[in-house]
């Protein structure tokens, strides 16, 4: 599961390193942002659908299908000879990746008991942080020594290993699982009930509406600030269309015999508030992973590799806290653990407000480590609550709802913080210099040499102050997370929803 998640997660960062080489090879510079957007769009839009399908057909089939599709998409990307082809094949990759995260998390929920589940989910979550650190380095090595196509071909052997492992060691009966046994890395199915669940039906109308509504929401969020401005008629039009489609989806799903998303789940505070907390986790994660490297390179003058290693402290804190989350839950409650994690997250966010040009890398790493501890407790608690409260036949859709909210939080956070950062930078730059690219000037050594040291210091101060403002907003969002955590029920009966 961790290997499959790594394969999916590393795609974003490894491609980012190779994109200049890809553009020089294929052309189509104006389309390069869609190399990222196509993958994220199809992945996000299909996550809820895969959750439902795994409840109907079982986790194994959906996981294998997703990884196979991801492998096919990766192979096609490697053979692409135009930017248009690459974008289409990246979309196929994303459709496969959409099955990996929610299904792997659901499998973890199936095979581990409550006291073990939090620790393992934490390991699974930490993969995303690890991929953010090593992805650029691996991408750079591949592009420098081999063809850029190998950043995609490398997924093929990894995917084959994942499929073979699941095929041989995960024994699943598509019925309600009551016993979870892990023995020498092999999952025993001796105690799986033989009683078959009633097969569900695919809600085609709901599926099409949901994918369309999510697509109309994610496209403007992914393109905001780079291609479309927030007041662009296309941006506003797609957001409005998304709202309309979600309303139609809500009406149809209330009448559907077997809805793609049972709204009865969302009525439960044990599902609703952990999912909102997942949204905040996604926002916080992107605020750290996108802004800190920019600050480190632009203000402190570090290299991209050093900036990446700063994020490694979050990857250390995250699994450490996750490994203890299960013990804390058993000794206290879900609510106490969620609130505690949110308070630690708030403490880390407040510490980030202390970052300035004189801050050392060790200080920043420590602050990010604290944030990682908070993220580990809150994210793990939210997914464990959701999986604990639903029976096997609903666990796939419940897990995918939490995964989707985290991804939506990251997408929304990238748009929000990117827009706020640009706003604060432009508000501090003189009118005659509004069109300069402050980030490019500070990070690109060649551009930097064109300006005086006094002017560079002025730009550093502007960027530093803008980043400080960003983390002030983050503190407010994280504080809301504490309030949300308070509404998670203190005691939750297993499979009560």
Protein backbone atom coordinates (compact mmCIF):
# COMPACT_ATOMS: atom_id res chain seq x y z
CA UNK A 1 0.00 0.00 0.00
CA UNK A 2 2.81 2.42 0.90
CA UNK A 3 4.69 1.61 -2.31
CA UNK A 4 1.58 2.20 -4.42
CA UNK A 5 0.90 5.50 -2.66
CA UNK A 6 4.51 6.56 -3.16
CA UNK A 7 4.25 5.78 -6.87
CA UNK A 8 1.17 7.98 -7.14
CA UNK A 9 2.35 10.79 -4.84
CA UNK A 10 5.82 11.20 -6.32
CA UNK A 11 4.41 11.86 -9.80
CA UNK A 12 3.66 15.52 -9.05
CA UNK A 13 7.13 16.40 -7.73
CA UNK A 14 9.17 14.25 -10.09
CA UNK A 15 7.43 15.74 -13.14
CA UNK A 16 7.96 19.27 -11.81
CA UNK A 17 11.73 18.77 -12.03
CA UNK A 18 11.54 17.35 -15.55
CA UNK A 19 9.05 19.80 -17.05
CA UNK A 20 11.67 22.18 -18.57
CA UNK A 21 13.26 19.23 -20.40
CA UNK A 22 9.86 17.91 -21.48
CA UNK A 23 8.85 21.33 -22.86
CA UNK A 24 12.12 21.66 -24.77
CA UNK A 25 11.55 18.20 -26.26
CA UNK A 26 7.83 18.35 -27.06
CA UNK A 27 7.21 22.10 -27.30
CA UNK A 28 3.85 23.52 -26.21
CA UNK A 29 5.11 25.75 -23.38
CA UNK A 30 1.69 27.41 -23.01
CA UNK A 31 0.18 24.01 -22.16
CA UNK A 32 2.71 22.79 -19.60
CA UNK A 33 0.51 23.58 -16.54
CA UNK A 34 -2.00 21.05 -17.85
CA UNK A 35 0.61 18.31 -17.45
CA UNK A 36 -0.04 18.76 -13.72
CA UNK A 37 -3.69 19.80 -13.85
CA UNK A 38 -4.87 16.87 -16.00
CA UNK A 39 -3.43 14.38 -13.51
CA UNK A 40 -4.83 16.13 -10.42
CA UNK A 41 -8.22 16.75 -12.04
CA UNK A 42 -8.93 13.16 -13.06
CA UNK A 43 -7.52 11.83 -9.81
CA UNK A 44 -9.69 14.10 -7.66
CA UNK A 45 -12.83 13.62 -9.73
CA UNK A 46 -12.69 9.81 -9.57
CA UNK A 47 -11.83 9.32 -5.87
CA UNK A 48 -15.47 9.28 -4.65
CA UNK A 49 -16.48 6.90 -7.46
CA UNK A 50 -13.77 4.38 -6.60
CA UNK A 51 -14.84 4.41 -2.98
CA UNK A 52 -18.30 3.25 -3.94
CA UNK A 53 -17.00 0.70 -6.44
CA UNK A 54 -14.74 -0.85 -3.80
CA UNK A 55 -17.79 -1.34 -1.58
CA UNK A 56 -19.60 -3.10 -4.42
CA UNK A 57 -16.84 -5.19 -6.01
CA UNK A 58 -14.29 -5.40 -3.22
CA UNK A 59 -11.03 -3.57 -2.59
CA UNK A 60 -8.74 -5.99 -4.42
CA UNK A 61 -10.30 -5.66 -7.87
CA UNK A 62 -10.50 -1.87 -7.70
CA UNK A 63 -6.95 -1.50 -6.39
CA UNK A 64 -5.50 -3.77 -9.09
CA UNK A 65 -7.56 -1.99 -11.77
CA UNK A 66 -6.33 1.41 -10.59
CA UNK A 67 -2.66 0.40 -10.50
CA UNK A 68 -2.92 -1.28 -13.92
CA UNK A 69 -4.47 1.86 -15.39
CA UNK A 70 -1.76 3.95 -13.76
CA UNK A 71 0.92 1.72 -15.31
CA UNK A 72 -0.70 1.96 -18.75
CA UNK A 73 -0.94 5.75 -18.43
CA UNK A 74 2.71 5.91 -17.34
CA UNK A 75 3.87 3.85 -20.33
CA UNK A 76 1.85 6.01 -22.73
CA UNK A 77 3.28 9.20 -21.16
CA UNK A 78 6.79 7.91 -21.81
CA UNK A 79 5.99 7.40 -25.51
CA UNK A 80 4.16 10.73 -25.97
CA UNK A 81 5.50 12.77 -28.88
CA UNK A 82 3.47 15.95 -28.35
CA UNK A 83 2.28 18.00 -25.41
CA UNK A 84 -1.36 17.24 -26.25
CA UNK A 85 -0.69 13.49 -26.14
CA UNK A 86 1.17 13.85 -22.84
CA UNK A 87 -1.74 15.73 -21.27
CA UNK A 88 -4.24 13.05 -22.39
CA UNK A 89 -2.02 10.26 -21.06
CA UNK A 90 -1.50 12.13 -17.79
CA UNK A 91 -5.29 12.21 -17.44
CA UNK A 92 -5.32 8.42 -17.82
CA UNK A 93 -2.61 8.21 -15.16
CA UNK A 94 -4.78 10.33 -12.88
CA UNK A 95 -7.83 8.09 -13.36
CA UNK A 96 -5.69 5.18 -12.17
CA UNK A 97 -4.21 7.17 -9.27
CA UNK A 98 -7.73 8.05 -8.13
CA UNK A 99 -8.17 4.43 -7.04
CA UNK A 100 -4.87 4.06 -5.22
CA UNK A 101 -5.23 6.41 -2.22
CA UNK A 102 -8.81 5.70 -1.07
CA UNK A 103 -8.64 1.96 -1.77
CA UNK A 104 -5.31 1.49 0.00
CA UNK A 105 -6.58 3.42 3.02
CA UNK A 106 -9.73 1.30 3.01
CA UNK A 107 -7.71 -1.92 2.88
CA UNK A 108 -5.72 -0.72 5.90
CA UNK A 109 -9.03 -0.05 7.66
CA UNK A 110 -10.18 -3.59 6.83
CA UNK A 111 -7.15 -5.58 7.94
CA UNK A 112 -6.06 -3.74 11.09
CA UNK A 113 -7.81 -3.33 14.42
CA UNK A 114 -8.49 0.12 15.88
CA UNK A 115 -5.37 0.15 18.09
CA UNK A 116 -3.17 -0.68 15.06
CA UNK A 117 -5.01 1.26 12.40
CA UNK A 118 -3.87 4.75 13.44
CA UNK A 119 -0.20 3.79 13.37
CA UNK A 120 -0.42 2.18 9.92
CA UNK A 121 -2.51 5.01 8.47
CA UNK A 122 0.20 7.34 9.72
CA UNK A 123 2.85 5.41 7.84
CA UNK A 124 0.67 5.60 4.75
CA UNK A 125 0.20 9.37 5.13
CA UNK A 126 3.93 9.98 5.66
CA UNK A 127 4.58 8.66 2.15
CA UNK A 128 3.26 11.94 0.71
CA UNK A 129 5.75 13.97 2.70
CA UNK A 130 8.62 11.66 1.78
CA UNK A 131 7.72 11.86 -1.91
CA UNK A 132 7.76 15.67 -1.74
CA UNK A 133 11.34 15.54 -0.47
CA UNK A 134 12.94 12.91 -2.72
CA UNK A 135 10.79 13.44 -5.83
CA UNK A 136 12.70 16.47 -7.16
CA UNK A 137 16.06 14.79 -6.51
CA UNK A 138 15.05 11.58 -8.30
CA UNK A 139 13.57 13.58 -11.17
CA UNK A 140 16.77 15.57 -11.52
CA UNK A 141 18.95 12.44 -11.57
CA UNK A 142 16.76 10.75 -14.19
CA UNK A 143 16.59 13.80 -16.47
CA UNK A 144 20.33 14.43 -16.18
CA UNK A 145 21.44 10.86 -16.90
CA UNK A 146 18.58 9.33 -18.92
CA UNK A 147 15.65 10.37 -21.09
CA UNK A 148 12.77 12.29 -19.44
CA UNK A 149 10.51 9.39 -20.44
CA UNK A 150 12.02 7.32 -17.61
CA UNK A 151 10.29 9.43 -14.97
CA UNK A 152 7.17 7.64 -16.25
CA UNK A 153 8.66 4.25 -17.19
CA UNK A 154 10.01 3.83 -13.63
CA UNK A 155 6.40 3.40 -12.45
CA UNK A 156 5.96 0.18 -14.44
CA UNK A 157 8.12 -2.17 -12.31
CA UNK A 158 6.86 -0.53 -9.10
CA UNK A 159 3.25 -1.02 -10.17
CA UNK A 160 3.87 -4.65 -11.16
CA UNK A 161 5.33 -5.37 -7.70
CA UNK A 162 2.26 -3.79 -6.06
CA UNK A 163 -0.16 -5.84 -8.17
CA UNK A 164 1.69 -9.11 -7.58
CA UNK A 165 1.91 -8.50 -3.82
CA UNK A 166 -1.81 -7.81 -3.57
CA UNK A 167 -2.60 -10.79 -5.82
CA UNK A 168 -0.63 -13.25 -3.65
CA UNK A 169 -0.93 -11.86 -0.13
CA UNK A 170 -4.28 -10.08 0.15
CA UNK A 171 -7.12 -12.59 0.34
CA UNK A 172 -10.48 -10.89 0.24
CA UNK A 173 -14.04 -12.09 0.14
CA UNK A 174 -16.44 -9.38 -1.01
CA UNK A 175 -18.55 -9.65 2.10
CA UNK A 176 -18.57 -7.91 5.42
CA UNK A 177 -15.22 -8.52 7.08
CA UNK A 178 -15.44 -9.27 10.78
CA UNK A 179 -11.98 -10.57 11.56
CA UNK A 180 -8.66 -8.97 10.76
CA UNK A 181 -5.51 -11.02 11.13
CA UNK A 182 -2.03 -10.03 10.08
CA UNK A 183 0.47 -12.87 10.20
CA UNK A 184 3.99 -12.64 8.78
CA UNK A 185 2.92 -9.95 6.33
CA UNK A 186 0.30 -12.33 4.94
CA UNK A 187 -3.35 -11.56 5.51
CA UNK A 188 -5.29 -14.61 6.57
CA UNK A 189 -8.82 -15.03 5.37
CA UNK A 190 -9.60 -17.99 7.62
CA UNK A 191 -12.17 -16.05 9.63
CA UNK A 192 -13.76 -14.08 6.83
CA UNK A 193 -17.47 -14.70 6.75
CA UNK A 194 -18.72 -16.66 3.78
CA UNK A 195 -22.02 -14.83 3.76
CA UNK A 196 -22.25 -12.75 0.62
CA UNK A 197 -23.39 -9.14 0.73
CA UNK A 198 -26.13 -8.10 -1.58
CA UNK A 199 -24.45 -6.66 -4.69
CA UNK A 200 -24.91 -2.91 -5.04
CA UNK A 201 -25.85 -1.03 -8.17
CA UNK A 202 -23.78 1.60 -9.91
CA UNK A 203 -25.52 4.96 -9.79
CA UNK A 204 -24.62 6.10 -13.31
CA UNK A 205 -26.53 9.40 -13.21
CA UNK A 206 -25.06 10.30 -9.85
CA UNK A 207 -21.56 9.27 -10.95
CA UNK A 208 -21.66 11.45 -14.07
CA UNK A 209 -23.06 14.42 -12.15
CA UNK A 210 -20.52 14.06 -9.34
CA UNK A 211 -17.53 13.79 -11.69
CA UNK A 212 -18.82 16.77 -13.70
CA UNK A 213 -19.43 18.89 -10.60
CA UNK A 214 -15.99 18.09 -9.17
CA UNK A 215 -14.33 18.78 -12.53
CA UNK A 216 -16.05 22.16 -12.85
CA UNK A 217 -14.84 22.96 -9.33
CA UNK A 218 -11.24 21.72 -9.65
CA UNK A 219 -10.44 23.19 -13.09
CA UNK A 220 -10.81 26.84 -12.00
CA UNK A 221 -9.10 26.14 -8.67
CA UNK A 222 -6.15 24.48 -10.42
CA UNK A 223 -5.82 27.25 -13.00
CA UNK A 224 -6.50 30.23 -10.71
CA UNK A 225 -3.64 32.70 -10.61
CA UNK A 226 -1.70 31.10 -13.48
CA UNK A 227 -4.11 31.17 -16.42
CA UNK A 228 -7.28 32.69 -14.98
CA UNK A 229 -7.62 35.50 -12.46
CA UNK A 230 -10.19 35.27 -9.69
CA UNK A 231 -12.43 37.85 -11.42
CA UNK A 232 -12.19 36.09 -14.81
CA UNK A 233 -15.63 35.29 -16.24
CA UNK A 234 -14.47 31.73 -17.00
CA UNK A 235 -13.38 31.21 -13.40
CA UNK A 236 -16.64 32.55 -11.99
CA UNK A 237 -18.71 30.72 -14.61
CA UNK A 238 -17.21 27.32 -13.84
CA UNK A 239 -17.55 27.82 -10.09
CA UNK A 240 -21.23 28.72 -10.57
CA UNK A 241 -21.74 25.74 -12.90
CA UNK A 242 -20.17 23.49 -10.28
CA UNK A 243 -22.58 24.73 -7.63
CA UNK A 244 -25.54 24.12 -9.95
CA UNK A 245 -24.34 20.58 -10.72
CA UNK A 246 -23.84 19.83 -7.02
CA UNK A 247 -27.44 20.97 -6.32
CA UNK A 248 -28.78 18.72 -9.10
CA UNK A 249 -26.59 15.89 -7.79
CA UNK A 250 -27.99 16.40 -4.27
CA UNK A 251 -31.58 16.24 -5.56
CA UNK A 252 -31.03 13.11 -7.68
CA UNK A 253 -29.04 11.28 -5.01
CA UNK A 254 -31.87 11.68 -2.49
CA UNK A 255 -34.07 9.74 -4.91
CA UNK A 256 -31.51 7.13 -5.99
CA UNK A 257 -31.95 3.52 -4.87
CA UNK A 258 -28.22 3.05 -4.23
CA UNK A 259 -26.59 6.53 -4.28
CA UNK A 260 -22.91 6.99 -5.07
CA UNK A 261 -22.61 8.99 -1.83
CA UNK A 262 -25.16 8.02 0.86
CA UNK A 263 -26.12 11.35 2.44
CA UNK A 264 -27.04 9.49 5.59
CA UNK A 265 -23.29 9.22 6.21
CA UNK A 266 -22.82 12.97 6.05
CA UNK A 267 -25.59 13.50 8.59
CA UNK A 268 -23.46 11.78 11.19
CA UNK A 269 -21.18 14.11 13.17
CA UNK A 270 -18.69 11.22 13.27
CA UNK A 271 -18.35 11.52 9.46
CA UNK A 272 -19.03 15.21 8.81
CA UNK A 273 -16.61 16.84 11.25
CA UNK A 274 -13.66 14.49 10.64
CA UNK A 275 -14.07 15.24 6.93
CA UNK A 276 -14.03 19.00 7.58
CA UNK A 277 -10.91 18.41 9.68
CA UNK A 278 -9.46 16.53 6.69
CA UNK A 279 -10.13 19.62 4.55
CA UNK A 280 -8.15 21.75 7.02
CA UNK A 281 -5.33 19.19 7.03
CA UNK A 282 -5.14 19.49 3.23
CA UNK A 283 -5.06 23.30 3.41
CA UNK A 284 -2.32 23.25 6.06
CA UNK A 285 -0.20 20.69 4.22
CA UNK A 286 -0.13 22.74 1.01
CA UNK A 287 0.57 25.93 2.98
CA UNK A 288 3.76 24.34 4.33
CA UNK A 289 4.91 22.41 1.26
CA UNK A 290 4.41 25.29 -1.20
CA UNK A 291 5.34 28.40 0.82
CA UNK A 292 8.31 27.21 2.93
CA UNK A 293 10.53 26.23 -0.07
CA UNK A 294 9.72 29.58 -1.68
CA UNK A 295 10.71 31.44 1.51
CA UNK A 296 13.86 29.36 2.00
CA UNK A 297 15.09 29.91 -1.55
CA UNK A 298 13.88 33.48 -2.05
CA UNK A 299 14.55 35.03 1.37
CA UNK A 300 17.21 32.81 2.98
CA UNK A 301 19.00 32.04 -0.29
CA UNK A 302 19.14 28.27 0.12
CA UNK A 303 19.22 25.77 -2.74
CA UNK A 304 16.15 23.84 -3.87
CA UNK A 305 17.57 20.67 -2.29
CA UNK A 306 17.99 22.34 1.11
CA UNK A 307 14.50 23.78 0.85
CA UNK A 308 13.20 20.30 0.14
CA UNK A 309 14.98 18.85 3.17
CA UNK A 310 13.30 21.45 5.37
CA UNK A 311 10.04 19.69 4.55
CA UNK A 312 11.57 16.40 5.65
CA UNK A 313 11.06 17.46 9.28
CA UNK A 314 7.31 17.42 8.63
CA UNK A 315 7.65 13.90 7.22
CA UNK A 316 9.39 12.87 10.45
CA UNK A 317 6.87 14.46 12.82
CA UNK A 318 3.85 13.16 10.93
CA UNK A 319 4.41 9.38 11.33
CA UNK A 320 5.78 9.83 14.88
CA UNK A 321 2.52 11.43 15.99
CA UNK A 322 0.42 9.01 13.94
CA UNK A 323 2.09 6.04 15.62
CA UNK A 324 0.89 7.33 18.99
CA UNK A 325 -2.57 8.41 17.86
CA UNK A 326 -4.09 4.96 18.35
CA UNK A 327 -2.78 4.70 21.91
CA UNK A 328 -4.08 8.17 22.76
CA UNK A 329 -7.50 7.36 21.26
CA UNK A 330 -7.79 4.16 23.33
CA UNK A 331 -6.73 5.90 26.56
CA UNK A 332 -8.85 9.03 26.04
CA UNK A 333 -11.27 9.51 23.14
CA UNK A 334 -11.47 10.42 19.46
CA UNK A 335 -12.46 13.99 20.35
CA UNK A 336 -9.59 14.50 22.81
CA UNK A 337 -7.05 13.21 20.27
CA UNK A 338 -8.44 15.41 17.48
CA UNK A 339 -8.46 18.50 19.70
CA UNK A 340 -4.95 17.75 20.98
CA UNK A 341 -3.68 17.39 17.41
CA UNK A 342 -5.36 20.63 16.38
CA UNK A 343 -3.79 22.48 19.34
CA UNK A 344 -0.32 21.16 18.44
CA UNK A 345 -1.00 22.21 14.84
CA UNK A 346 -1.96 25.69 16.07
CA UNK A 347 1.23 25.89 18.12
CA UNK A 348 3.30 25.01 15.04
CA UNK A 349 1.43 27.58 12.94
CA UNK A 350 2.05 30.27 15.56
CA UNK A 351 5.74 29.40 15.56
CA UNK A 352 5.82 29.90 11.79
CA UNK A 353 4.82 33.52 12.40
CA UNK A 354 8.22 33.98 14.06
CA UNK A 355 10.11 33.15 10.87
CA UNK A 356 12.10 36.06 9.43
CA UNK A 357 15.30 36.67 7.48
CA UNK A 358 17.39 35.98 10.59
CA UNK A 359 15.78 32.59 11.30
CA UNK A 360 18.12 29.62 11.10
CA UNK A 361 17.33 26.49 9.13
CA UNK A 362 17.32 24.49 12.37
CA UNK A 363 14.65 26.77 13.84
CA UNK A 364 12.46 26.48 10.76
CA UNK A 365 12.91 22.70 10.70
CA UNK A 366 11.80 22.51 14.33
CA UNK A 367 8.70 24.61 13.64
CA UNK A 368 7.78 22.44 10.68
CA UNK A 369 8.38 19.34 12.82
CA UNK A 370 5.78 20.63 15.31
CA UNK A 371 3.35 21.19 12.44
CA UNK A 372 4.05 17.61 11.31
CA UNK A 373 3.17 16.31 14.78
CA UNK A 374 -0.14 18.18 14.66
CA UNK A 375 -0.91 16.96 11.15
CA UNK A 376 -0.11 13.38 12.17
CA UNK A 377 -2.56 13.44 15.07
CA UNK A 378 -5.39 15.27 13.29
CA UNK A 379 -5.24 13.51 9.91
CA UNK A 380 -4.90 10.06 11.41
CA UNK A 381 -7.72 10.62 13.90
CA UNK A 382 -10.04 11.90 11.16
CA UNK A 383 -9.53 8.85 8.92
CA UNK A 384 -9.68 6.38 11.84
CA UNK A 385 -12.95 7.88 13.12
CA UNK A 386 -14.53 7.63 9.68
CA UNK A 387 -13.45 4.00 9.25
CA UNK A 388 -14.41 3.01 12.79
CA UNK A 389 -17.96 4.26 12.60
CA UNK A 390 -19.05 2.52 9.37
CA UNK A 391 -19.47 -1.19 8.52
CA UNK A 392 -17.37 -2.90 5.83
CA UNK A 393 -19.88 -2.31 3.05
CA UNK A 394 -19.73 1.48 3.61
CA UNK A 395 -16.05 1.82 4.49
CA UNK A 396 -14.90 2.41 0.92
CA UNK A 397 -17.20 5.36 0.25
CA UNK A 398 -16.60 6.79 3.74
CA UNK A 399 -12.82 6.57 3.35
CA UNK A 400 -12.91 8.10 -0.13
CA UNK A 401 -14.95 11.03 1.19
CA UNK A 402 -12.19 11.81 3.68
CA UNK A 403 -9.47 11.39 1.02
CA UNK A 404 -11.35 13.68 -1.35
CA UNK A 405 -11.77 16.39 1.29
CA UNK A 406 -8.04 16.37 1.95
CA UNK A 407 -7.28 16.69 -1.75
CA UNK A 408 -9.88 19.43 -2.13
CA UNK A 409 -8.26 21.22 0.81
CA UNK A 410 -4.86 21.07 -0.88
CA UNK A 411 -6.28 22.35 -4.18
CA UNK A 412 -8.27 25.12 -2.50
CA UNK A 413 -5.33 26.01 -0.26
CA UNK A 414 -2.95 26.33 -3.21
CA UNK A 415 -5.37 28.75 -4.87
CA UNK A 416 -6.10 30.67 -1.68
CA UNK A 417 -2.52 31.09 -0.48
CA UNK A 418 -1.18 31.68 -3.98
CA UNK A 419 -3.72 34.47 -4.51
CA UNK A 420 -3.06 36.00 -1.08
CA UNK A 421 0.71 35.85 -1.58
CA UNK A 422 0.45 37.68 -4.92
CA UNK A 423 -1.94 40.22 -3.39
CA UNK A 424 0.39 41.06 -0.50
CA UNK A 425 3.46 41.21 -2.74
CA UNK A 426 1.76 43.59 -5.19
CA UNK A 427 0.45 45.76 -2.35
CA UNK A 428 4.04 46.35 -1.15
CA UNK A 429 5.71 46.86 -4.55
CA UNK A 430 5.74 50.35 -6.10
CA UNK A 431 3.23 50.89 -8.91
CA UNK A 432 5.99 51.18 -11.51
CA UNK A 433 7.25 47.68 -10.66
CA UNK A 434 3.96 45.78 -10.45
CA UNK A 435 4.85 43.52 -13.37
CA UNK A 436 8.16 42.18 -12.05
CA UNK A 437 8.41 38.52 -11.07
CA UNK A 438 9.82 38.83 -7.55
CA UNK A 439 10.15 35.05 -7.06
CA UNK A 440 12.10 34.58 -10.28
CA UNK A 441 14.44 37.47 -9.47
CA UNK A 442 15.24 36.12 -6.00
CA UNK A 443 15.62 32.46 -6.96
CA UNK A 444 17.31 32.69 -10.39
CA UNK A 445 21.04 33.55 -9.91
CA UNK A 446 21.29 35.08 -13.39
CA UNK A 447 18.30 37.38 -12.77
CA UNK A 448 19.62 38.25 -9.32
CA UNK A 449 22.89 39.60 -10.72
CA UNK A 450 21.03 42.21 -12.76
CA UNK A 451 19.97 44.16 -9.65
CA UNK A 452 21.74 45.94 -6.82
CA UNK A 453 22.16 44.29 -3.42
CA UNK A 454 19.99 46.99 -1.83
CA UNK A 455 17.14 46.24 -4.25
CA UNK A 456 17.47 42.50 -3.65
CA UNK A 457 17.23 43.10 0.11
CA UNK A 458 14.10 45.16 -0.48
CA UNK A 459 12.53 42.30 -2.45
CA UNK A 460 13.50 39.82 0.28
CA UNK A 461 11.74 41.97 2.86
CA UNK A 462 8.64 42.15 0.68
CA UNK A 463 8.52 38.37 0.18
CA UNK A 464 9.24 37.75 3.88
CA UNK A 465 6.40 40.04 4.95
CA UNK A 466 4.04 38.45 2.43
CA UNK A 467 4.83 34.96 3.76
CA UNK A 468 4.30 36.22 7.33
CA UNK A 469 0.82 37.37 6.28
CA UNK A 470 0.08 33.97 4.75
CA UNK A 471 0.82 32.18 8.01
CA UNK A 472 -1.39 34.62 9.89
CA UNK A 473 -4.29 33.39 7.74
CA UNK A 474 -3.16 29.82 8.37
CA UNK A 475 -3.40 30.38 12.14
CA UNK A 476 -7.03 31.45 11.71
CA UNK A 477 -7.85 28.36 9.62
CA UNK A 478 -6.15 26.01 12.10
CA UNK A 479 -8.01 27.64 15.00
CA UNK A 480 -11.25 26.81 13.17
CA UNK A 481 -9.95 23.24 13.12
CA UNK A 482 -9.91 23.18 16.93
CA UNK A 483 -13.58 24.21 16.95
CA UNK A 484 -14.40 21.54 14.36
CA UNK A 485 -12.57 18.88 16.41
CA UNK A 486 -14.70 19.75 19.44
CA UNK A 487 -17.81 18.54 17.57
CA UNK A 488 -16.38 15.08 16.92
CA UNK A 489 -18.29 12.75 19.28
CA UNK A 490 -16.40 11.79 22.43
CA UNK A 491 -17.48 8.17 22.34
CA UNK A 492 -18.37 6.40 19.12
CA UNK A 493 -19.72 2.89 18.85
CA UNK A 494 -18.13 0.75 16.18
CA UNK A 495 -20.18 0.48 12.95
CA UNK A 496 -22.85 2.80 14.35
CA UNK A 497 -23.58 4.64 11.07
